Amino acid sequence: MKKNHFHVCALIGILAWSDAAPVFGIELREAGTEVDTVVIDTSYSLEITPAAAPIPFANFRYPYVDELENVLFIGNDPYRYVPATRGNGIYRSYAADGRIESLVIQDDPAPDDGKPIGVILGLRTDFDSFVFHRGEMGTGIYGSFRGEPLVTIANTNMTAPGLGTNFQWFSYADVAGDLVVFKGNSGTDSKNQDGLYLYQHSKRKVTRLLDSNQAIPAVGGAILTGFSHQPRLDKDWLVFSAEDLADGDPTKPKKIGIFGWQVKPGGDPEKIFALDQLKVLAPLGMEIPESGGRPLTYGWNVTTDGGWMAVAVGSELGGSYGAVPQWQAICMRTPDGVWRNPVDTNTLNPILNDGSCFTGFNKWVGLDEGKVIFRAYGTGYEALYVYDAVTDLLYFVADTRLSISGKSVSAFETSSRPLVGKRLAMMIYFTDGTSGQYLATLPKLATKIERKPSPATQSR
């Protein structure tokens, strides 16, 4: 795998790595958060080769921060916010010297067909290795393991194991150690050939975990479909969500469940991830805690870390299938299997303190051993929070009233693992179309959580 280094052409915006109070015109109201480091922003540009003209950064995605506060991210996404046509790639910033390294870019040759990789999406990492998704429609899954050259995990020229037809497209992948999990589709019927697959790098082998043609013993022989776009994998669990394929009228909301396999280091993956080892972590249509009896009908992007799980969920008792429900919550599962609902759309906004409640939550959440990082919405408003389930405390990080050098914030973004200790990596997008990667020190003071009176229990 070619590794390129580029030069920072605009140095304005770099902050010292210190515990000093915020500088550079950063104002954060009503919080103890210190946004004290700009990793990179759209005033920077990069040089892929010495002879090439610098390519400006237009946007950034998926910030992952490691124990040394190095940040891995995607730059110049071609679809989100201010789209970019050049320089789409995976980059790492180094805290020690401010260096930025490009690990793979859109013009690099793919290891399978030798053609330029093109669009790079869906970055995931365990900090030793990383994986990503090629192309808007997902023509392949690729990865680099422990600094080795890129390898092809799966592509549309491969036959899907156990089905006899080629993969047609892929959703996203996740990596932990030697293993990668991904969602793939094969055949001509996108619904009936949905499946989850496991790649074992040491054996260069892809195996089928389950697909929407199989009866699943853990749910009484039901056939599951609608698997998570992003299944999750760490050293303890492989988790995903799904719905019952045969569950009534397809125009009505589906009952969603959360399922997984417990990882056993050193064991045979084909035995660990066998169908008879699949566990039900949240039953189909589970009653959501503190919801007034609402069933789980929305919640496809469960994540896991250190035995904990977290997911943005919702419930819709009527209406069209696939619609984002008006009632939503952030739910967590403890390592001993208890589900909690710390905040939902019946929770009063603790920062605005104007009697309004949260109106919803972003479908992607981050997790760090009992701390869930999530984005909450209000009317014309967005905020970033951390909930610590161990201490049952909620911390306000930032909201769209944040001002940086006179620029107004429009939105935030984090990855699934953006937190190291009290240091949080986050994307900030501004109303003028610029953006940047920032590191913040979490506040010391917690935020009080209050709900309006619980709604009356509703029938399913």
Protein backbone atom coordinates (compact mmCIF):
# COMPACT_ATOMS: atom_id res chain seq x y z
CA MET A 1 0.00 0.00 0.00
CA LYS A 2 1.42 3.33 -0.99
CA LYS A 3 1.81 5.77 1.89
CA ASN A 4 2.01 9.42 0.98
CA HIS A 5 2.87 12.35 3.17
CA PHE A 6 1.54 15.80 2.45
CA HIS A 7 2.58 19.22 3.61
CA VAL A 8 0.32 21.52 5.57
CA CYS A 9 0.09 24.61 3.38
CA ALA A 10 -1.90 26.81 5.75
CA LEU A 11 -0.74 26.74 9.35
CA ILE A 12 -3.37 29.11 10.73
CA GLY A 13 -5.62 27.22 13.10
CA ILE A 14 -3.17 24.90 14.85
CA LEU A 15 -3.43 25.06 18.64
CA ALA A 16 -0.89 23.92 21.19
CA TRP A 17 -1.46 20.55 22.80
CA SER A 18 -2.02 21.63 26.38
CA ASP A 19 -4.55 21.82 29.16
CA ALA A 20 -4.71 25.59 28.88
CA ALA A 21 -7.99 27.45 28.58
CA PRO A 22 -9.51 27.65 25.08
CA VAL A 23 -7.93 30.10 22.65
CA PHE A 24 -8.39 31.04 19.00
CA GLY A 25 -11.75 32.67 19.58
CA ILE A 26 -13.52 29.55 20.81
CA GLU A 27 -16.55 30.20 22.99
CA LEU A 28 -18.54 27.43 24.60
CA ARG A 29 -21.43 28.58 26.73
CA GLU A 30 -22.75 26.97 29.90
CA ALA A 31 -20.30 24.07 29.92
CA GLY A 32 -16.95 23.05 31.30
CA THR A 33 -15.81 21.68 27.95
CA GLU A 34 -12.52 22.89 26.51
CA VAL A 35 -12.31 22.72 22.73
CA ASP A 36 -8.55 23.12 22.91
CA THR A 37 -7.12 21.57 19.74
CA VAL A 38 -7.78 21.99 16.05
CA VAL A 39 -6.50 18.81 14.40
CA ILE A 40 -7.15 20.05 10.87
CA ASP A 41 -9.68 22.26 9.13
CA THR A 42 -10.63 23.42 5.65
CA SER A 43 -7.97 26.13 5.65
CA TYR A 44 -5.47 23.29 5.11
CA SER A 45 -4.54 21.78 1.76
CA LEU A 46 -2.45 18.77 0.86
CA GLU A 47 0.19 17.82 -1.67
CA ILE A 48 -0.12 14.23 -2.85
CA THR A 49 3.11 14.48 -4.87
CA PRO A 50 5.68 17.28 -4.88
CA ALA A 51 4.85 18.19 -8.49
CA ALA A 52 1.08 18.34 -7.99
CA ALA A 53 -0.86 21.44 -7.10
CA PRO A 54 -2.16 21.40 -3.52
CA ILE A 55 -5.63 19.90 -3.10
CA PRO A 56 -7.83 21.84 -0.67
CA PHE A 57 -9.70 20.00 2.04
CA ALA A 58 -13.45 20.43 1.63
CA ASN A 59 -14.71 18.23 4.48
CA PHE A 60 -13.83 15.53 7.00
CA ARG A 61 -15.64 12.44 8.34
CA TYR A 62 -15.41 9.74 11.03
CA PRO A 63 -12.78 10.99 13.54
CA TYR A 64 -11.22 8.15 15.60
CA VAL A 65 -8.79 9.10 18.36
CA ASP A 66 -6.27 6.66 19.84
CA GLU A 67 -4.51 6.63 23.21
CA LEU A 68 -1.77 8.96 21.90
CA GLU A 69 -4.43 11.38 20.62
CA ASN A 70 -3.58 10.62 17.00
CA VAL A 71 -6.70 10.98 14.86
CA LEU A 72 -7.70 8.73 11.95
CA PHE A 73 -10.32 10.18 9.58
CA ILE A 74 -11.70 10.38 6.04
CA GLY A 75 -10.99 13.56 4.13
CA ASN A 76 -12.84 14.99 1.13
CA ASP A 77 -15.96 12.85 1.16
CA PRO A 78 -17.63 13.26 -2.27
CA TYR A 79 -21.20 13.29 -0.95
CA ARG A 80 -21.54 15.04 2.39
CA TYR A 81 -21.65 18.73 3.34
CA VAL A 82 -19.32 20.50 0.86
CA PRO A 83 -18.58 17.64 -1.59
CA ALA A 84 -15.07 17.11 -2.94
CA THR A 85 -13.92 15.65 -6.26
CA ARG A 86 -10.22 15.18 -5.40
CA GLY A 87 -8.26 14.00 -2.39
CA ASN A 88 -10.87 11.57 -1.03
CA GLY A 89 -8.85 9.35 1.28
CA ILE A 90 -8.02 8.05 4.74
CA TYR A 91 -5.61 10.19 6.76
CA ARG A 92 -3.97 10.14 10.17
CA SER A 93 -2.81 13.14 12.16
CA TYR A 94 -0.02 12.69 14.69
CA ALA A 95 -0.26 14.60 17.95
CA ALA A 96 3.47 14.53 18.69
CA ASP A 97 4.60 16.58 15.70
CA GLY A 98 1.45 17.74 13.87
CA ARG A 99 2.28 15.55 10.86
CA ILE A 100 -0.57 14.38 8.61
CA GLU A 101 -0.17 11.07 6.74
CA SER A 102 -2.32 9.80 3.89
CA LEU A 103 -2.85 6.04 4.24
CA VAL A 104 -4.91 5.46 1.10
CA ILE A 105 -6.37 7.89 -1.45
CA GLN A 106 -8.86 7.63 -4.31
CA ASP A 107 -6.15 7.50 -7.00
CA ASP A 108 -4.32 4.52 -5.48
CA PRO A 109 -4.74 1.25 -7.41
CA ALA A 110 -7.10 -1.28 -5.85
CA PRO A 111 -5.37 -4.57 -4.95
CA ASP A 112 -7.84 -6.68 -6.94
CA ASP A 113 -8.33 -4.91 -10.30
CA GLY A 114 -5.53 -2.35 -10.36
CA LYS A 115 -7.95 0.48 -11.14
CA PRO A 116 -8.11 3.65 -9.03
CA ILE A 117 -10.00 2.93 -5.83
CA GLY A 118 -12.29 5.91 -6.31
CA VAL A 119 -14.84 6.74 -3.65
CA ILE A 120 -13.77 5.81 -0.09
CA LEU A 121 -16.55 5.57 2.51
CA GLY A 122 -17.40 3.86 5.81
CA LEU A 123 -14.07 3.95 7.64
CA ARG A 124 -13.78 1.65 10.67
CA THR A 125 -10.73 0.86 12.77
CA ASP A 126 -9.57 -1.00 15.87
CA PHE A 127 -6.47 1.28 15.83
CA ASP A 128 -4.22 -1.54 14.58
CA SER A 129 -6.08 -2.10 11.31
CA PHE A 130 -8.74 -0.31 9.27
CA VAL A 131 -11.40 -1.23 6.73
CA PHE A 132 -13.49 0.76 4.27
CA HIS A 133 -16.15 0.52 1.59
CA ARG A 134 -15.38 1.25 -2.09
CA GLY A 135 -17.82 3.13 -4.28
CA GLU A 136 -21.20 4.72 -3.68
CA MET A 137 -23.03 1.43 -4.22
CA GLY A 138 -20.42 -0.66 -2.42
CA THR A 139 -18.47 -2.61 -5.04
CA GLY A 140 -15.98 -3.90 -2.49
CA ILE A 141 -14.67 -4.03 1.07
CA TYR A 142 -10.93 -3.43 1.59
CA GLY A 143 -8.61 -3.24 4.55
CA SER A 144 -5.09 -2.80 5.85
CA PHE A 145 -4.08 -5.05 8.73
CA ARG A 146 -1.38 -3.93 11.16
CA GLY A 147 0.27 -1.61 8.61
CA GLU A 148 0.39 -4.18 5.81
CA PRO A 149 -0.56 -3.34 2.18
CA LEU A 150 -4.23 -3.12 1.28
CA VAL A 151 -6.09 -6.39 0.73
CA THR A 152 -9.44 -7.18 -0.85
CA ILE A 153 -11.87 -8.56 1.72
CA ALA A 154 -14.78 -9.03 -0.70
CA ASN A 155 -15.89 -7.65 -4.06
CA THR A 156 -18.64 -8.09 -6.64
CA ASN A 157 -16.59 -10.64 -8.59
CA MET A 158 -16.72 -13.05 -5.64
CA THR A 159 -19.37 -15.70 -5.08
CA ALA A 160 -21.25 -15.24 -1.83
CA PRO A 161 -20.47 -18.30 0.35
CA GLY A 162 -23.34 -20.76 0.55
CA LEU A 163 -25.52 -18.98 -2.04
CA GLY A 164 -23.88 -19.71 -5.40
CA THR A 165 -24.35 -16.18 -6.77
CA ASN A 166 -21.99 -13.22 -6.82
CA PHE A 167 -22.16 -10.37 -4.39
CA GLN A 168 -24.06 -7.46 -5.90
CA TRP A 169 -23.22 -4.72 -3.40
CA PHE A 170 -22.00 -4.17 0.14
CA SER A 171 -22.90 -2.04 3.10
CA TYR A 172 -20.26 -1.28 5.72
CA ALA A 173 -17.72 -3.41 7.58
CA ASP A 174 -16.09 -3.49 11.02
CA VAL A 175 -12.75 -4.88 12.15
CA ALA A 176 -11.36 -6.33 15.39
CA GLY A 177 -8.03 -8.12 15.35
CA ASP A 178 -8.03 -10.84 12.70
CA LEU A 179 -11.77 -10.59 11.97
CA VAL A 180 -13.98 -8.40 9.79
CA VAL A 181 -17.78 -8.47 9.68
CA PHE A 182 -19.75 -6.93 6.81
CA LYS A 183 -23.20 -6.82 5.26
CA GLY A 184 -23.46 -8.01 1.67
CA ASN A 185 -26.15 -8.64 -0.90
CA SER A 186 -26.18 -11.31 -3.59
CA GLY A 187 -28.56 -12.46 -6.27
CA THR A 188 -31.21 -10.40 -7.98
CA ASP A 189 -33.69 -10.07 -5.13
CA SER A 190 -32.19 -7.49 -2.77
CA LYS A 191 -34.52 -8.42 0.08
CA ASN A 192 -34.22 -12.18 -0.01
CA GLN A 193 -30.43 -12.26 -0.41
CA ASP A 194 -29.48 -9.91 2.41
CA GLY A 195 -26.70 -11.38 4.55
CA LEU A 196 -23.95 -10.95 7.13
CA TYR A 197 -20.47 -12.31 6.43
CA LEU A 198 -17.23 -12.85 8.35
CA TYR A 199 -13.71 -12.47 6.95
CA GLN A 200 -10.76 -14.10 8.75
CA HIS A 201 -7.61 -12.34 7.60
CA SER A 202 -5.10 -14.99 8.69
CA LYS A 203 -6.88 -17.50 6.41
CA ARG A 204 -8.02 -14.97 3.76
CA LYS A 205 -11.44 -16.60 4.08
CA VAL A 206 -15.01 -15.28 3.89
CA THR A 207 -17.79 -17.29 5.55
CA ARG A 208 -21.53 -16.68 5.73
CA LEU A 209 -22.92 -15.93 9.17
CA LEU A 210 -26.60 -15.79 8.21
CA ASP A 211 -28.84 -14.49 5.45
CA SER A 212 -32.50 -13.79 4.81
CA ASN A 213 -33.14 -17.29 3.46
CA GLN A 214 -32.34 -19.04 6.74
CA ALA A 215 -34.57 -19.96 9.66
CA ILE A 216 -32.95 -18.70 12.86
CA PRO A 217 -33.20 -21.00 15.92
CA ALA A 218 -32.73 -18.14 18.39
CA VAL A 219 -36.02 -16.54 17.27
CA GLY A 220 -38.08 -19.70 16.99
CA GLY A 221 -37.23 -20.41 13.37
CA ALA A 222 -38.21 -16.99 12.06
CA ILE A 223 -36.43 -15.58 9.02
CA LEU A 224 -34.62 -12.31 9.69
CA THR A 225 -33.87 -9.52 7.24
CA GLY A 226 -33.08 -5.81 7.29
CA PHE A 227 -29.71 -6.43 8.90
CA SER A 228 -27.72 -3.46 10.22
CA HIS A 229 -26.06 -1.38 7.53
CA GLN A 230 -23.10 -1.32 9.92
CA PRO A 231 -22.72 -4.51 12.00
CA ARG A 232 -20.32 -4.02 14.91
CA LEU A 233 -17.43 -6.11 16.18
CA ASP A 234 -15.01 -5.82 19.07
CA LYS A 235 -13.05 -8.24 21.26
CA ASP A 236 -16.19 -9.20 23.20
CA TRP A 237 -19.18 -9.15 20.82
CA LEU A 238 -20.34 -9.17 17.22
CA VAL A 239 -23.71 -7.39 17.20
CA PHE A 240 -26.36 -6.37 14.68
CA SER A 241 -30.05 -5.56 14.47
CA ALA A 242 -32.66 -7.14 12.23
CA GLU A 243 -36.39 -7.49 11.67
CA ASP A 244 -38.73 -10.45 11.16
CA LEU A 245 -39.19 -10.96 7.40
CA ALA A 246 -42.65 -12.48 7.82
CA ASP A 247 -43.94 -10.01 10.39
CA GLY A 248 -47.27 -8.91 8.94
CA ASP A 249 -48.07 -6.07 6.59
CA PRO A 250 -44.90 -4.71 4.88
CA THR A 251 -46.36 -1.18 4.93
CA LYS A 252 -46.44 -1.09 8.74
CA PRO A 253 -43.56 -0.56 11.17
CA LYS A 254 -41.49 -3.67 11.77
CA LYS A 255 -40.54 -5.20 15.08
CA ILE A 256 -36.79 -4.76 15.43
CA GLY A 257 -34.52 -6.99 17.50
CA ILE A 258 -30.84 -6.91 18.42
CA PHE A 259 -28.74 -10.05 18.16
CA GLY A 260 -25.12 -11.10 18.53
CA TRP A 261 -22.41 -13.62 19.10
CA GLN A 262 -20.08 -13.54 22.07
CA VAL A 263 -16.47 -13.51 20.85
CA LYS A 264 -14.12 -16.11 22.32
CA PRO A 265 -10.48 -15.19 21.60
CA GLY A 266 -8.49 -18.03 20.12
CA GLY A 267 -11.56 -20.08 19.24
CA ASP A 268 -12.61 -21.39 15.84
CA PRO A 269 -14.71 -18.63 14.21
CA GLU A 270 -16.87 -21.16 12.38
CA LYS A 271 -17.94 -22.61 15.75
CA ILE A 272 -18.08 -19.33 17.70
CA PHE A 273 -20.31 -17.72 15.07
CA ALA A 274 -22.50 -20.72 14.29
CA LEU A 275 -26.26 -20.09 14.13
CA ASP A 276 -26.91 -22.15 17.26
CA GLN A 277 -24.60 -19.77 19.18
CA LEU A 278 -26.53 -16.63 18.19
CA LYS A 279 -27.96 -14.80 21.20
CA VAL A 280 -31.03 -12.56 21.40
CA LEU A 281 -29.86 -9.33 23.06
CA ALA A 282 -33.14 -7.45 22.57
CA PRO A 283 -36.20 -9.48 21.51
CA LEU A 284 -38.12 -8.49 18.38
CA GLY A 285 -40.41 -5.62 19.36
CA MET A 286 -38.95 -5.40 22.88
CA GLU A 287 -40.70 -2.93 25.17
CA ILE A 288 -38.34 0.02 25.40
CA PRO A 289 -37.55 0.93 29.03
CA GLU A 290 -39.29 4.04 30.41
CA SER A 291 -41.25 4.48 27.19
CA GLY A 292 -44.79 3.96 28.38
CA GLY A 293 -45.00 0.51 26.77
CA ARG A 294 -43.67 1.37 23.32
CA PRO A 295 -42.25 -1.50 21.23
CA LEU A 296 -38.87 -1.35 19.49
CA THR A 297 -39.58 -0.64 15.81
CA TYR A 298 -36.51 1.42 14.86
CA GLY A 299 -32.85 0.95 15.80
CA TRP A 300 -30.56 -0.50 13.14
CA ASN A 301 -27.15 0.78 14.20
CA VAL A 302 -26.28 -0.82 17.53
CA THR A 303 -22.64 -0.48 18.60
CA THR A 304 -20.59 -2.34 21.21
CA ASP A 305 -17.48 -1.80 23.32
CA GLY A 306 -16.16 -3.60 26.38
CA GLY A 307 -19.36 -5.61 26.88
CA TRP A 308 -21.58 -2.51 26.72
CA MET A 309 -23.97 -1.79 23.85
CA ALA A 310 -25.71 1.39 22.73
CA VAL A 311 -28.20 2.27 20.02
CA ALA A 312 -30.50 5.11 18.97
CA VAL A 313 -33.99 3.56 18.97
CA GLY A 314 -37.52 4.59 18.20
CA SER A 315 -41.10 3.42 18.24
CA GLU A 316 -43.90 4.12 15.81
CA LEU A 317 -47.29 2.63 16.56
CA GLY A 318 -48.62 3.51 13.13
CA GLY A 319 -47.50 5.09 9.89
CA SER A 320 -45.30 4.01 7.01
CA TYR A 321 -42.56 1.42 7.22
CA GLY A 322 -39.09 2.94 7.26
CA ALA A 323 -40.19 6.35 8.53
CA VAL A 324 -38.17 7.87 11.37
CA PRO A 325 -40.49 7.69 14.40
CA GLN A 326 -41.41 10.79 16.36
CA TRP A 327 -40.69 9.06 19.68
CA GLN A 328 -36.98 8.22 20.00
CA ALA A 329 -34.48 7.33 22.70
CA ILE A 330 -30.85 6.49 23.37
CA CYS A 331 -30.70 3.01 24.88
CA MET A 332 -27.82 1.14 26.49
CA ARG A 333 -27.30 -2.47 27.48
CA THR A 334 -25.08 -3.21 30.48
CA PRO A 335 -22.60 -6.12 30.40
CA ASP A 336 -25.02 -8.09 32.58
CA GLY A 337 -27.81 -7.69 30.02
CA VAL A 338 -29.98 -4.88 31.43
CA TRP A 339 -31.35 -2.27 28.99
CA ARG A 340 -31.52 1.38 30.08
CA ASN A 341 -33.10 4.46 28.56
CA PRO A 342 -31.22 7.51 29.93
CA VAL A 343 -32.69 10.08 27.51
CA ASP A 344 -35.58 10.16 25.06
CA THR A 345 -37.86 12.64 23.33
CA ASN A 346 -39.73 13.03 26.60
CA THR A 347 -36.52 14.41 28.20
CA LEU A 348 -36.42 18.13 28.86
CA ASN A 349 -33.55 19.89 27.09
CA PRO A 350 -31.27 20.52 30.10
CA ILE A 351 -29.23 23.28 28.46
CA LEU A 352 -31.86 25.43 26.79
CA ASN A 353 -33.97 25.14 29.94
CA ASP A 354 -36.99 26.55 28.10
CA GLY A 355 -39.43 23.71 28.75
CA SER A 356 -38.74 22.04 25.39
CA CYS A 357 -37.79 18.39 24.96
CA PHE A 358 -35.33 16.75 22.63
CA THR A 359 -37.01 16.16 19.26
CA GLY A 360 -34.78 13.27 18.17
CA PHE A 361 -31.31 11.74 18.04
CA ASN A 362 -28.81 10.98 15.30
CA LYS A 363 -28.96 7.30 14.30
CA TRP A 364 -25.18 6.84 14.79
CA VAL A 365 -23.78 6.79 18.33
CA GLY A 366 -20.29 6.36 19.75
CA LEU A 367 -19.35 4.14 22.69
CA ASP A 368 -16.43 3.80 25.07
CA GLU A 369 -16.93 1.18 27.81
CA GLY A 370 -20.10 2.54 29.34
CA LYS A 371 -19.98 6.07 27.93
CA VAL A 372 -22.26 6.73 24.97
CA ILE A 373 -21.60 9.77 22.76
CA PHE A 374 -24.68 11.00 20.94
CA ARG A 375 -26.16 13.94 19.04
CA ALA A 376 -29.49 15.30 20.23
CA TYR A 377 -31.81 17.55 18.22
CA GLY A 378 -34.25 20.34 19.01
CA THR A 379 -36.10 22.72 16.74
CA GLY A 380 -33.32 24.30 14.69
CA TYR A 381 -30.83 23.04 17.27
CA GLU A 382 -28.22 20.29 17.70
CA ALA A 383 -26.10 19.32 20.71
CA LEU A 384 -23.43 16.77 21.55
CA TYR A 385 -23.64 14.82 24.83
CA VAL A 386 -21.86 12.03 26.69
CA TYR A 387 -23.84 9.77 29.02
CA ASP A 388 -21.81 7.75 31.54
CA ALA A 389 -23.86 4.69 32.44
CA VAL A 390 -21.47 3.65 35.21
CA THR A 391 -22.11 6.84 37.18
CA ASP A 392 -25.55 7.56 35.63
CA LEU A 393 -24.44 11.08 34.71
CA LEU A 394 -25.06 13.13 31.56
CA TYR A 395 -22.42 15.58 30.28
CA PHE A 396 -23.15 18.38 27.85
CA VAL A 397 -20.27 18.84 25.38
CA ALA A 398 -21.28 21.46 22.81
CA ASP A 399 -24.22 22.77 20.80
CA THR A 400 -24.94 24.88 17.76
CA ARG A 401 -24.56 28.06 19.77
CA LEU A 402 -20.81 27.37 19.74
CA SER A 403 -18.77 30.09 17.99
CA ILE A 404 -15.27 29.57 16.60
CA SER A 405 -13.49 32.60 15.23
CA GLY A 406 -16.82 34.26 14.57
CA LYS A 407 -18.16 31.27 12.61
CA SER A 408 -21.51 29.74 13.53
CA VAL A 409 -21.81 25.98 13.97
CA SER A 410 -24.40 24.08 11.92
CA ALA A 411 -23.77 20.44 12.91
CA PHE A 412 -21.48 17.92 14.61
CA GLU A 413 -20.28 14.41 13.82
CA THR A 414 -18.40 11.75 15.75
CA SER A 415 -17.29 8.20 15.01
CA SER A 416 -18.25 5.06 16.89
CA ARG A 417 -15.09 5.30 19.02
CA PRO A 418 -14.23 8.99 19.39
CA LEU A 419 -13.32 9.05 23.09
CA VAL A 420 -10.06 8.38 24.94
CA GLY A 421 -10.25 9.15 28.64
CA LYS A 422 -11.66 12.67 28.74
CA ARG A 423 -10.52 13.57 25.23
CA LEU A 424 -13.18 13.57 22.52
CA ALA A 425 -12.59 13.80 18.75
CA MET A 426 -15.41 15.52 16.88
CA MET A 427 -16.24 17.08 13.55
CA ILE A 428 -17.67 20.58 13.56
CA TYR A 429 -19.48 21.95 10.49
CA PHE A 430 -20.08 25.67 10.06
CA THR A 431 -22.87 27.58 8.38
CA ASP A 432 -20.40 29.04 5.85
CA GLY A 433 -19.62 25.55 4.48
CA THR A 434 -16.25 25.13 6.21
CA SER A 435 -15.49 22.36 8.71
CA GLY A 436 -12.76 20.96 10.92
CA GLN A 437 -11.61 18.15 13.17
CA TYR A 438 -11.36 19.17 16.83
CA LEU A 439 -10.34 17.63 20.13
CA ALA A 440 -12.15 18.64 23.30
CA THR A 441 -11.64 17.94 26.98
CA LEU A 442 -14.87 16.74 28.53
CA PRO A 443 -16.50 18.83 31.24
CA LYS A 444 -16.13 17.99 34.91
CA LEU A 445 -19.68 18.95 35.83
CA ALA A 446 -22.64 16.75 34.97
CA THR A 447 -25.97 17.91 33.54
CA LYS A 448 -29.24 17.17 35.32
CA ILE A 449 -31.65 14.85 33.48
CA GLU A 450 -35.37 15.48 33.79
CA ARG A 451 -38.32 13.97 31.97
CA LYS A 452 -41.81 15.22 31.52
CA PRO A 453 -44.41 12.97 33.20
CA SER A 454 -44.28 9.53 31.58
CA PRO A 455 -46.80 8.93 28.80
CA ALA A 456 -49.66 6.56 29.44
CA THR A 457 -48.94 2.98 28.54
CA GLN A 458 -49.97 2.36 24.95
CA SER A 459 -51.11 -0.85 23.36
CA ARG A 460 -48.98 -2.31 20.59
